Amino acid sequence: MEIDGLWGVDDTGLDILLNGVSTGIELPGISFSYFNALHAFSIATGFVSGINTLDFVVQDNGSVAGFRAQLDGGGDRTSSDIPEPASLAMLGLALTGFGLLRRRGAPIA
């Protein structure tokens, strides 16, 4: 899995965190040029199975703040990550049947 992107901030980009862990990507110091143009970054490590979070840590040193990010990424998903539609339908039918049994007072084995 990999995320490629562009980011810009007014005034300082302190870090980009992946799952709460620093990537070391920053736009250091105070510069208006950080928002006048977007700056490329790439993250290829630190991903976990399931949901991943990306946090941009920025600092504004004036009265107006600005932030922009553009992301592009991809990765391989295994079939175990995405339930098949037939599996979801079977689960729904099973839960419906369980609810009907409970309403009629039938014993549950």
PDB file of N, CA and C in Angstrom:
ATOM      1  N   MET A   1       0.844  -1.164   0.000  1.00  0.00           N
ATOM      2  CA  MET A   1       0.000   0.000   0.000  1.00  0.00           C
ATOM      3  C   MET A   1       0.890   1.228   0.000  1.00  0.00           C
ATOM      4  N   GLU A   2       0.426   2.272  -0.648  1.00  0.00           N
ATOM      5  CA  GLU A   2       1.190   3.507  -0.716  1.00  0.00           C
ATOM      6  C   GLU A   2       0.240   4.676  -0.899  1.00  0.00           C
ATOM      7  N   ILE A   3       0.566   5.781  -0.252  1.00  0.00           N
ATOM      8  CA  ILE A   3      -0.171   7.026  -0.442  1.00  0.00           C
ATOM      9  C   ILE A   3       0.808   8.062  -0.972  1.00  0.00           C
ATOM     10  N   ASP A   4       0.460   8.650  -2.088  1.00  0.00           N
ATOM     11  CA  ASP A   4       1.198   9.778  -2.632  1.00  0.00           C
ATOM     12  C   ASP A   4       0.298  10.983  -2.515  1.00  0.00           C
ATOM     13  N   GLY A   5       0.871  12.115  -2.213  1.00  0.00           N
ATOM     14  CA  GLY A   5       0.024  13.288  -2.061  1.00  0.00           C
ATOM     15  C   GLY A   5       0.790  14.585  -2.181  1.00  0.00           C
ATOM     16  N   LEU A   6       0.015  15.629  -2.058  1.00  0.00           N
ATOM     17  CA  LEU A   6       0.524  16.996  -2.037  1.00  0.00           C
ATOM     18  C   LEU A   6      -0.115  17.690  -0.857  1.00  0.00           C
ATOM     19  N   TRP A   7       0.634  18.576  -0.195  1.00  0.00           N
ATOM     20  CA  TRP A   7       0.045  19.331   0.905  1.00  0.00           C
ATOM     21  C   TRP A   7       0.624  20.722   0.950  1.00  0.00           C
ATOM     22  N   GLY A   8      -0.177  21.623   1.470  1.00  0.00           N
ATOM     23  CA  GLY A   8       0.238  22.994   1.665  1.00  0.00           C
ATOM     24  C   GLY A   8      -0.406  23.536   2.929  1.00  0.00           C
ATOM     25  N   VAL A   9       0.321  24.369   3.659  1.00  0.00           N
ATOM     26  CA  VAL A   9      -0.183  24.926   4.916  1.00  0.00           C
ATOM     27  C   VAL A   9       0.215  26.392   5.039  1.00  0.00           C
ATOM     28  N   ASP A  10      -0.522  27.096   5.845  1.00  0.00           N
ATOM     29  CA  ASP A  10      -0.187  28.457   6.246  1.00  0.00           C
ATOM     30  C   ASP A  10      -0.165  28.411   7.784  1.00  0.00           C
ATOM     31  N   ASP A  11       0.914  28.239   8.372  1.00  0.00           N
ATOM     32  CA  ASP A  11       2.286  28.631   8.117  1.00  0.00           C
ATOM     33  C   ASP A  11       3.259  27.458   8.182  1.00  0.00           C
ATOM     34  N   THR A  12       3.068  26.508   9.098  1.00  0.00           N
ATOM     35  CA  THR A  12       4.063  25.467   9.328  1.00  0.00           C
ATOM     36  C   THR A  12       3.409  24.089   9.302  1.00  0.00           C
ATOM     37  N   GLY A  13       4.005  23.160   8.554  1.00  0.00           N
ATOM     38  CA  GLY A  13       3.574  21.763   8.559  1.00  0.00           C
ATOM     39  C   GLY A  13       4.491  20.988   9.481  1.00  0.00           C
ATOM     40  N   LEU A  14       4.014  20.682  10.681  1.00  0.00           N
ATOM     41  CA  LEU A  14       4.865  20.052  11.696  1.00  0.00           C
ATOM     42  C   LEU A  14       5.120  18.566  11.438  1.00  0.00           C
ATOM     43  N   ASP A  15       4.115  17.851  10.914  1.00  0.00           N
ATOM     44  CA  ASP A  15       4.288  16.412  10.721  1.00  0.00           C
ATOM     45  C   ASP A  15       3.070  15.842  10.016  1.00  0.00           C
ATOM     46  N   ILE A  16       3.252  14.683   9.424  1.00  0.00           N
ATOM     47  CA  ILE A  16       2.146  13.851   8.957  1.00  0.00           C
ATOM     48  C   ILE A  16       2.250  12.551   9.737  1.00  0.00           C
ATOM     49  N   LEU A  17       1.166  12.186  10.415  1.00  0.00           N
ATOM     50  CA  LEU A  17       1.142  10.972  11.234  1.00  0.00           C
ATOM     51  C   LEU A  17       0.349   9.886  10.515  1.00  0.00           C
ATOM     52  N   LEU A  18       0.868   8.680  10.505  1.00  0.00           N
ATOM     53  CA  LEU A  18       0.143   7.524  10.005  1.00  0.00           C
ATOM     54  C   LEU A  18      -0.133   6.621  11.188  1.00  0.00           C
ATOM     55  N   ASN A  19      -1.393   6.456  11.519  1.00  0.00           N
ATOM     56  CA  ASN A  19      -1.807   5.664  12.686  1.00  0.00           C
ATOM     57  C   ASN A  19      -1.152   6.175  13.966  1.00  0.00           C
ATOM     58  N   GLY A  20      -1.050   7.502  14.064  1.00  0.00           N
ATOM     59  CA  GLY A  20      -0.510   8.127  15.257  1.00  0.00           C
ATOM     60  C   GLY A  20       1.012   8.134  15.346  1.00  0.00           C
ATOM     61  N   VAL A  21       1.691   7.629  14.329  1.00  0.00           N
ATOM     62  CA  VAL A  21       3.149   7.538  14.329  1.00  0.00           C
ATOM     63  C   VAL A  21       3.712   8.536  13.316  1.00  0.00           C
ATOM     64  N   SER A  22       4.728   9.278  13.732  1.00  0.00           N
ATOM     65  CA  SER A  22       5.350  10.276  12.863  1.00  0.00           C
ATOM     66  C   SER A  22       5.947   9.632  11.624  1.00  0.00           C
ATOM     67  N   THR A  23       5.719  10.273  10.476  1.00  0.00           N
ATOM     68  CA  THR A  23       6.364   9.852   9.233  1.00  0.00           C
ATOM     69  C   THR A  23       7.639  10.652   8.992  1.00  0.00           C
ATOM     70  N   GLY A  24       7.831  11.722   9.771  1.00  0.00           N
ATOM     71  CA  GLY A  24       8.990  12.586   9.576  1.00  0.00           C
ATOM     72  C   GLY A  24       8.827  13.564   8.431  1.00  0.00           C
ATOM     73  N   ILE A  25       7.653  13.609   7.844  1.00  0.00           N
ATOM     74  CA  ILE A  25       7.391  14.528   6.727  1.00  0.00           C
ATOM     75  C   ILE A  25       6.956  15.858   7.321  1.00  0.00           C
ATOM     76  N   GLU A  26       7.650  16.924   6.946  1.00  0.00           N
ATOM     77  CA  GLU A  26       7.318  18.232   7.510  1.00  0.00           C
ATOM     78  C   GLU A  26       7.612  19.343   6.520  1.00  0.00           C
ATOM     79  N   LEU A  27       7.032  20.487   6.795  1.00  0.00           N
ATOM     80  CA  LEU A  27       7.330  21.747   6.116  1.00  0.00           C
ATOM     81  C   LEU A  27       7.793  22.681   7.225  1.00  0.00           C
ATOM     82  N   PRO A  28       9.092  22.682   7.540  1.00  0.00           N
ATOM     83  CA  PRO A  28       9.585  23.360   8.745  1.00  0.00           C
ATOM     84  C   PRO A  28       9.646  24.874   8.618  1.00  0.00           C
ATOM     85  N   GLY A  29       9.659  25.513   9.789  1.00  0.00           N
ATOM     86  CA  GLY A  29       9.769  26.969   9.830  1.00  0.00           C
ATOM     87  C   GLY A  29       8.459  27.636   9.445  1.00  0.00           C
ATOM     88  N   ILE A  30       8.474  28.937   9.414  1.00  0.00           N
ATOM     89  CA  ILE A  30       7.285  29.712   9.061  1.00  0.00           C
ATOM     90  C   ILE A  30       7.506  30.277   7.666  1.00  0.00           C
ATOM     91  N   SER A  31       6.631  29.877   6.725  1.00  0.00           N
ATOM     92  CA  SER A  31       6.795  30.355   5.361  1.00  0.00           C
ATOM     93  C   SER A  31       5.449  30.426   4.660  1.00  0.00           C
ATOM     94  N   PHE A  32       5.139  31.584   4.083  1.00  0.00           N
ATOM     95  CA  PHE A  32       3.916  31.720   3.302  1.00  0.00           C
ATOM     96  C   PHE A  32       3.994  30.894   2.019  1.00  0.00           C
ATOM     97  N   SER A  33       5.211  30.565   1.581  1.00  0.00           N
ATOM     98  CA  SER A  33       5.368  29.786   0.355  1.00  0.00           C
ATOM     99  C   SER A  33       4.838  28.365   0.503  1.00  0.00           C
ATOM    100  N   TYR A  34       4.683  27.887   1.752  1.00  0.00           N
ATOM    101  CA  TYR A  34       4.141  26.546   1.957  1.00  0.00           C
ATOM    102  C   TYR A  34       2.688  26.444   1.500  1.00  0.00           C
ATOM    103  N   PHE A  35       2.002  27.572   1.438  1.00  0.00           N
ATOM    104  CA  PHE A  35       0.613  27.530   0.982  1.00  0.00           C
ATOM    105  C   PHE A  35       0.479  28.014  -0.465  1.00  0.00           C
ATOM    106  N   ASN A  36       1.461  28.728  -0.959  1.00  0.00           N
ATOM    107  CA  ASN A  36       1.412  29.210  -2.342  1.00  0.00           C
ATOM    108  C   ASN A  36       1.611  28.089  -3.346  1.00  0.00           C
ATOM    109  N   ALA A  37       2.203  26.994  -2.921  1.00  0.00           N
ATOM    110  CA  ALA A  37       2.406  25.831  -3.782  1.00  0.00           C
ATOM    111  C   ALA A  37       2.233  24.576  -2.941  1.00  0.00           C
ATOM    112  N   LEU A  38       1.787  23.506  -3.574  1.00  0.00           N
ATOM    113  CA  LEU A  38       1.646  22.237  -2.863  1.00  0.00           C
ATOM    114  C   LEU A  38       2.962  21.466  -2.942  1.00  0.00           C
ATOM    115  N   HIS A  39       3.254  20.713  -1.888  1.00  0.00           N
ATOM    116  CA  HIS A  39       4.524  20.009  -1.766  1.00  0.00           C
ATOM    117  C   HIS A  39       4.269  18.506  -1.712  1.00  0.00           C
ATOM    118  N   ALA A  40       5.022  17.760  -2.509  1.00  0.00           N
ATOM    119  CA  ALA A  40       4.805  16.321  -2.653  1.00  0.00           C
ATOM    120  C   ALA A  40       5.290  15.545  -1.431  1.00  0.00           C
ATOM    121  N   PHE A  41       4.573  14.448  -1.143  1.00  0.00           N
ATOM    122  CA  PHE A  41       5.012  13.486  -0.121  1.00  0.00           C
ATOM    123  C   PHE A  41       4.566  12.100  -0.539  1.00  0.00           C
ATOM    124  N   SER A  42       5.210  11.087   0.019  1.00  0.00           N
ATOM    125  CA  SER A  42       4.873   9.697  -0.262  1.00  0.00           C
ATOM    126  C   SER A  42       5.048   8.888   1.012  1.00  0.00           C
ATOM    127  N   ILE A  43       4.095   8.028   1.289  1.00  0.00           N
ATOM    128  CA  ILE A  43       4.155   7.147   2.459  1.00  0.00           C
ATOM    129  C   ILE A  43       3.946   5.714   1.965  1.00  0.00           C
ATOM    130  N   ALA A  44       4.931   4.857   2.203  1.00  0.00           N
ATOM    131  CA  ALA A  44       4.853   3.485   1.721  1.00  0.00           C
ATOM    132  C   ALA A  44       4.970   2.451   2.845  1.00  0.00           C
ATOM    133  N   THR A  45       5.240   2.900   4.072  1.00  0.00           N
ATOM    134  CA  THR A  45       5.387   1.954   5.178  1.00  0.00           C
ATOM    135  C   THR A  45       4.567   2.435   6.368  1.00  0.00           C
ATOM    136  N   GLY A  46       4.304   1.528   7.293  1.00  0.00           N
ATOM    137  CA  GLY A  46       3.587   1.880   8.516  1.00  0.00           C
ATOM    138  C   GLY A  46       2.103   1.576   8.476  1.00  0.00           C
ATOM    139  N   PHE A  47       1.629   1.002   7.384  1.00  0.00           N
ATOM    140  CA  PHE A  47       0.209   0.673   7.274  1.00  0.00           C
ATOM    141  C   PHE A  47      -0.107  -0.585   8.073  1.00  0.00           C
ATOM    142  N   VAL A  48      -1.326  -0.680   8.561  1.00  0.00           N
ATOM    143  CA  VAL A  48      -1.788  -1.857   9.290  1.00  0.00           C
ATOM    144  C   VAL A  48      -2.961  -2.462   8.547  1.00  0.00           C
ATOM    145  N   SER A  49      -3.263  -3.699   8.846  1.00  0.00           N
ATOM    146  CA  SER A  49      -4.429  -4.347   8.266  1.00  0.00           C
ATOM    147  C   SER A  49      -5.685  -3.680   8.813  1.00  0.00           C
ATOM    148  N   GLY A  50      -6.641  -3.379   7.959  1.00  0.00           N
ATOM    149  CA  GLY A  50      -7.874  -2.724   8.384  1.00  0.00           C
ATOM    150  C   GLY A  50      -7.828  -1.229   8.132  1.00  0.00           C
ATOM    151  N   ILE A  51      -8.369  -0.473   9.047  1.00  0.00           N
ATOM    152  CA  ILE A  51      -8.476   0.979   8.891  1.00  0.00           C
ATOM    153  C   ILE A  51      -7.182   1.655   9.327  1.00  0.00           C
ATOM    154  N   ASN A  52      -6.706   2.574   8.504  1.00  0.00           N
ATOM    155  CA  ASN A  52      -5.526   3.382   8.807  1.00  0.00           C
ATOM    156  C   ASN A  52      -5.964   4.834   8.908  1.00  0.00           C
ATOM    157  N   THR A  53      -5.279   5.613   9.744  1.00  0.00           N
ATOM    158  CA  THR A  53      -5.600   7.034   9.874  1.00  0.00           C
ATOM    159  C   THR A  53      -4.398   7.869   9.471  1.00  0.00           C
ATOM    160  N   LEU A  54      -4.693   9.009   8.865  1.00  0.00           N
ATOM    161  CA  LEU A  54      -3.678   9.950   8.438  1.00  0.00           C
ATOM    162  C   LEU A  54      -4.012  11.289   9.071  1.00  0.00           C
ATOM    163  N   ASP A  55      -3.074  11.840   9.857  1.00  0.00           N
ATOM    164  CA  ASP A  55      -3.276  13.130  10.532  1.00  0.00           C
ATOM    165  C   ASP A  55      -2.213  14.105  10.058  1.00  0.00           C
ATOM    166  N   PHE A  56      -2.646  15.320   9.755  1.00  0.00           N
ATOM    167  CA  PHE A  56      -1.730  16.389   9.385  1.00  0.00           C
ATOM    168  C   PHE A  56      -1.631  17.337  10.574  1.00  0.00           C
ATOM    169  N   VAL A  57      -0.422  17.518  11.079  1.00  0.00           N
ATOM    170  CA  VAL A  57      -0.192  18.392  12.229  1.00  0.00           C
ATOM    171  C   VAL A  57       0.350  19.714  11.681  1.00  0.00           C
ATOM    172  N   VAL A  58      -0.425  20.779  11.855  1.00  0.00           N
ATOM    173  CA  VAL A  58      -0.049  22.083  11.309  1.00  0.00           C
ATOM    174  C   VAL A  58      -0.113  23.143  12.409  1.00  0.00           C
ATOM    175  N   GLN A  59       0.577  24.250  12.169  1.00  0.00           N
ATOM    176  CA  GLN A  59       0.555  25.358  13.119  1.00  0.00           C
ATOM    177  C   GLN A  59       0.380  26.649  12.349  1.00  0.00           C
ATOM    178  N   ASP A  60      -0.579  27.459  12.800  1.00  0.00           N
ATOM    179  CA  ASP A  60      -0.791  28.769  12.205  1.00  0.00           C
ATOM    180  C   ASP A  60      -0.190  29.822  13.126  1.00  0.00           C
ATOM    181  N   ASN A  61       0.509  30.770  12.563  1.00  0.00           N
ATOM    182  CA  ASN A  61       1.145  31.811  13.353  1.00  0.00           C
ATOM    183  C   ASN A  61       0.569  33.186  13.056  1.00  0.00           C
ATOM    184  N   GLY A  62      -0.637  33.225  12.533  1.00  0.00           N
ATOM    185  CA  GLY A  62      -1.258  34.500  12.196  1.00  0.00           C
ATOM    186  C   GLY A  62      -2.743  34.454  12.458  1.00  0.00           C
ATOM    187  N   SER A  63      -3.454  35.352  11.836  1.00  0.00           N
ATOM    188  CA  SER A  63      -4.893  35.434  12.090  1.00  0.00           C
ATOM    189  C   SER A  63      -5.715  34.538  11.160  1.00  0.00           C
ATOM    190  N   VAL A  64      -5.155  34.150  10.036  1.00  0.00           N
ATOM    191  CA  VAL A  64      -5.889  33.306   9.091  1.00  0.00           C
ATOM    192  C   VAL A  64      -5.093  32.033   8.858  1.00  0.00           C
ATOM    193  N   ALA A  65      -5.754  30.891   9.002  1.00  0.00           N
ATOM    194  CA  ALA A  65      -5.085  29.612   8.799  1.00  0.00           C
ATOM    195  C   ALA A  65      -5.486  29.028   7.450  1.00  0.00           C
ATOM    196  N   GLY A  66      -4.608  28.232   6.872  1.00  0.00           N
ATOM    197  CA  GLY A  66      -4.911  27.573   5.609  1.00  0.00           C
ATOM    198  C   GLY A  66      -4.280  26.193   5.566  1.00  0.00           C
ATOM    199  N   PHE A  67      -4.989  25.245   4.970  1.00  0.00           N
ATOM    200  CA  PHE A  67      -4.501  23.885   4.824  1.00  0.00           C
ATOM    201  C   PHE A  67      -5.140  23.284   3.589  1.00  0.00           C
ATOM    202  N   ARG A  68      -4.343  22.541   2.828  1.00  0.00           N
ATOM    203  CA  ARG A  68      -4.874  21.827   1.676  1.00  0.00           C
ATOM    204  C   ARG A  68      -4.083  20.544   1.504  1.00  0.00           C
ATOM    205  N   ALA A  69      -4.775  19.450   1.208  1.00  0.00           N
ATOM    206  CA  ALA A  69      -4.122  18.172   0.933  1.00  0.00           C
ATOM    207  C   ALA A  69      -4.817  17.515  -0.243  1.00  0.00           C
ATOM    208  N   GLN A  70      -4.028  16.882  -1.054  1.00  0.00           N
ATOM    209  CA  GLN A  70      -4.531  16.118  -2.192  1.00  0.00           C
ATOM    210  C   GLN A  70      -3.888  14.744  -2.108  1.00  0.00           C
ATOM    211  N   LEU A  71      -4.693  13.697  -2.058  1.00  0.00           N
ATOM    212  CA  LEU A  71      -4.174  12.344  -1.834  1.00  0.00           C
ATOM    213  C   LEU A  71      -4.482  11.432  -3.005  1.00  0.00           C
ATOM    214  N   ASP A  72      -3.573  10.497  -3.241  1.00  0.00           N
ATOM    215  CA  ASP A  72      -3.769   9.469  -4.241  1.00  0.00           C
ATOM    216  C   ASP A  72      -3.080   8.231  -3.703  1.00  0.00           C
ATOM    217  N   GLY A  73      -3.775   7.138  -3.668  1.00  0.00           N
ATOM    218  CA  GLY A  73      -3.143   5.951  -3.114  1.00  0.00           C
ATOM    219  C   GLY A  73      -3.817   4.694  -3.579  1.00  0.00           C
ATOM    220  N   GLY A  74      -3.193   3.604  -3.260  1.00  0.00           N
ATOM    221  CA  GLY A  74      -3.755   2.327  -3.634  1.00  0.00           C
ATOM    222  C   GLY A  74      -3.085   1.220  -2.854  1.00  0.00           C
ATOM    223  N   GLY A  75      -3.669   0.077  -2.943  1.00  0.00           N
ATOM    224  CA  GLY A  75      -3.103  -1.075  -2.258  1.00  0.00           C
ATOM    225  C   GLY A  75      -3.895  -2.304  -2.610  1.00  0.00           C
ATOM    226  N   ASP A  76      -3.355  -3.425  -2.271  1.00  0.00           N
ATOM    227  CA  ASP A  76      -4.029  -4.694  -2.521  1.00  0.00           C
ATOM    228  C   ASP A  76      -4.905  -5.031  -1.330  1.00  0.00           C
ATOM    229  N   ARG A  77      -6.130  -5.354  -1.602  1.00  0.00           N
ATOM    230  CA  ARG A  77      -7.043  -5.819  -0.555  1.00  0.00           C
ATOM    231  C   ARG A  77      -7.241  -7.303  -0.754  1.00  0.00           C
ATOM    232  N   THR A  78      -7.182  -8.043   0.312  1.00  0.00           N
ATOM    233  CA  THR A  78      -7.425  -9.475   0.208  1.00  0.00           C
ATOM    234  C   THR A  78      -8.915  -9.724   0.273  1.00  0.00           C
ATOM    235  N   SER A  79      -9.327 -10.878  -0.205  1.00  0.00           N
ATOM    236  CA  SER A  79     -10.753 -11.192  -0.214  1.00  0.00           C
ATOM    237  C   SER A  79     -11.320 -11.266   1.199  1.00  0.00           C
ATOM    238  N   SER A  80     -10.485 -11.520   2.206  1.00  0.00           N
ATOM    239  CA  SER A  80     -10.983 -11.603   3.577  1.00  0.00           C
ATOM    240  C   SER A  80     -11.349 -10.221   4.125  1.00  0.00           C
ATOM    241  N   ASP A  81     -10.840  -9.151   3.496  1.00  0.00           N
ATOM    242  CA  ASP A  81     -11.164  -7.801   3.951  1.00  0.00           C
ATOM    243  C   ASP A  81     -12.574  -7.371   3.549  1.00  0.00           C
ATOM    244  N   ILE A  82     -13.068  -7.928   2.449  1.00  0.00           N
ATOM    245  CA  ILE A  82     -14.354  -7.491   1.905  1.00  0.00           C
ATOM    246  C   ILE A  82     -15.296  -8.684   1.854  1.00  0.00           C
ATOM    247  N   PRO A  83     -16.378  -8.660   2.643  1.00  0.00           N
ATOM    248  CA  PRO A  83     -17.303  -9.787   2.594  1.00  0.00           C
ATOM    249  C   PRO A  83     -17.989  -9.880   1.231  1.00  0.00           C
ATOM    250  N   GLU A  84     -18.172 -11.089   0.767  1.00  0.00           N
ATOM    251  CA  GLU A  84     -18.869 -11.286  -0.500  1.00  0.00           C
ATOM    252  C   GLU A  84     -20.349 -10.977  -0.297  1.00  0.00           C
ATOM    253  N   PRO A  85     -21.014 -10.442  -1.346  1.00  0.00           N
ATOM    254  CA  PRO A  85     -22.443 -10.135  -1.219  1.00  0.00           C
ATOM    255  C   PRO A  85     -23.272 -11.336  -0.781  1.00  0.00           C
ATOM    256  N   ALA A  86     -22.942 -12.530  -1.263  1.00  0.00           N
ATOM    257  CA  ALA A  86     -23.706 -13.723  -0.875  1.00  0.00           C
ATOM    258  C   ALA A  86     -23.569 -13.985   0.623  1.00  0.00           C
ATOM    259  N   SER A  87     -22.392 -13.763   1.182  1.00  0.00           N
ATOM    260  CA  SER A  87     -22.185 -13.960   2.614  1.00  0.00           C
ATOM    261  C   SER A  87     -23.022 -12.987   3.429  1.00  0.00           C
ATOM    262  N   LEU A  88     -23.081 -11.742   2.965  1.00  0.00           N
ATOM    263  CA  LEU A  88     -23.896 -10.749   3.665  1.00  0.00           C
ATOM    264  C   LEU A  88     -25.376 -11.120   3.615  1.00  0.00           C
ATOM    265  N   ALA A  89     -25.836 -11.611   2.462  1.00  0.00           N
ATOM    266  CA  ALA A  89     -27.241 -12.009   2.333  1.00  0.00           C
ATOM    267  C   ALA A  89     -27.563 -13.173   3.272  1.00  0.00           C
ATOM    268  N   MET A  90     -26.665 -14.151   3.340  1.00  0.00           N
ATOM    269  CA  MET A  90     -26.888 -15.289   4.232  1.00  0.00           C
ATOM    270  C   MET A  90     -26.919 -14.844   5.689  1.00  0.00           C
ATOM    271  N   LEU A  91     -26.049 -13.924   6.063  1.00  0.00           N
ATOM    272  CA  LEU A  91     -26.052 -13.405   7.425  1.00  0.00           C
ATOM    273  C   LEU A  91     -27.372 -12.692   7.722  1.00  0.00           C
ATOM    274  N   GLY A  92     -27.841 -11.887   6.768  1.00  0.00           N
ATOM    275  CA  GLY A  92     -29.111 -11.182   6.958  1.00  0.00           C
ATOM    276  C   GLY A  92     -30.273 -12.148   7.137  1.00  0.00           C
ATOM    277  N   LEU A  93     -30.308 -13.203   6.326  1.00  0.00           N
ATOM    278  CA  LEU A  93     -31.375 -14.204   6.454  1.00  0.00           C
ATOM    279  C   LEU A  93     -31.285 -14.925   7.795  1.00  0.00           C
ATOM    280  N   ALA A  94     -30.103 -15.244   8.224  1.00  0.00           N
ATOM    281  CA  ALA A  94     -29.934 -15.931   9.510  1.00  0.00           C
ATOM    282  C   ALA A  94     -30.417 -15.053  10.650  1.00  0.00           C
ATOM    283  N   LEU A  95     -30.073 -13.778  10.621  1.00  0.00           N
ATOM    284  CA  LEU A  95     -30.503 -12.875  11.686  1.00  0.00           C
ATOM    285  C   LEU A  95     -32.012 -12.669  11.667  1.00  0.00           C
ATOM    286  N   THR A  96     -32.602 -12.615  10.469  1.00  0.00           N
ATOM    287  CA  THR A  96     -34.059 -12.478  10.355  1.00  0.00           C
ATOM    288  C   THR A  96     -34.745 -13.714  10.927  1.00  0.00           C
ATOM    289  N   GLY A  97     -34.233 -14.902  10.577  1.00  0.00           N
ATOM    290  CA  GLY A  97     -34.798 -16.144  11.106  1.00  0.00           C
ATOM    291  C   GLY A  97     -34.676 -16.224  12.608  1.00  0.00           C
ATOM    292  N   PHE A  98     -33.574 -15.781  13.156  1.00  0.00           N
ATOM    293  CA  PHE A  98     -33.377 -15.774  14.601  1.00  0.00           C
ATOM    294  C   PHE A  98     -34.406 -14.859  15.259  1.00  0.00           C
ATOM    295  N   GLY A  99     -34.650 -13.704  14.661  1.00  0.00           N
ATOM    296  CA  GLY A  99     -35.640 -12.771  15.211  1.00  0.00           C
ATOM    297  C   GLY A  99     -37.039 -13.351  15.184  1.00  0.00           C
ATOM    298  N   LEU A 100     -37.398 -14.072  14.123  1.00  0.00           N
ATOM    299  CA  LEU A 100     -38.722 -14.688  14.029  1.00  0.00           C
ATOM    300  C   LEU A 100     -38.889 -15.776  15.079  1.00  0.00           C
ATOM    301  N   LEU A 101     -37.837 -16.565  15.296  1.00  0.00           N
ATOM    302  CA  LEU A 101     -37.914 -17.606  16.320  1.00  0.00           C
ATOM    303  C   LEU A 101     -38.110 -17.004  17.696  1.00  0.00           C
ATOM    304  N   ARG A 102     -37.448 -15.923  17.987  1.00  0.00           N
ATOM    305  CA  ARG A 102     -37.565 -15.280  19.295  1.00  0.00           C
ATOM    306  C   ARG A 102     -38.968 -14.726  19.503  1.00  0.00           C
ATOM    307  N   ARG A 103     -39.579 -14.155  18.462  1.00  0.00           N
ATOM    308  CA  ARG A 103     -40.901 -13.559  18.588  1.00  0.00           C
ATOM    309  C   ARG A 103     -41.970 -14.621  18.852  1.00  0.00           C
ATOM    310  N   ARG A 104     -41.810 -15.788  18.249  1.00  0.00           N
ATOM    311  CA  ARG A 104     -42.820 -16.842  18.409  1.00  0.00           C
ATOM    312  C   ARG A 104     -42.654 -17.599  19.703  1.00  0.00           C
ATOM    313  N   GLY A 105     -41.572 -17.328  20.398  1.00  0.00           N
ATOM    314  CA  GLY A 105     -41.352 -18.016  21.664  1.00  0.00           C
ATOM    315  C   GLY A 105     -40.781 -19.396  21.501  1.00  0.00           C
ATOM    316  N   ALA A 106     -40.261 -19.715  20.330  1.00  0.00           N
ATOM    317  CA  ALA A 106     -39.679 -21.045  20.113  1.00  0.00           C
ATOM    318  C   ALA A 106     -38.384 -21.164  20.887  1.00  0.00           C
ATOM    319  N   PRO A 107     -38.098 -22.310  21.405  1.00  0.00           N
ATOM    320  CA  PRO A 107     -36.839 -22.488  22.145  1.00  0.00           C
ATOM    321  C   PRO A 107     -35.656 -22.365  21.191  1.00  0.00           C
ATOM    322  N   ILE A 108     -34.594 -21.828  21.742  1.00  0.00           N
ATOM    323  CA  ILE A 108     -33.375 -21.680  20.957  1.00  0.00           C
ATOM    324  C   ILE A 108     -32.382 -22.717  21.448  1.00  0.00           C
ATOM    325  N   ALA A 109     -31.925 -23.547  20.512  1.00  0.00           N
ATOM    326  CA  ALA A 109     -31.013 -24.645  20.873  1.00  0.00           C
ATOM    327  C   ALA A 109     -29.600 -24.154  20.935  1.00  0.00           C
TER     328      ALA A 109
END
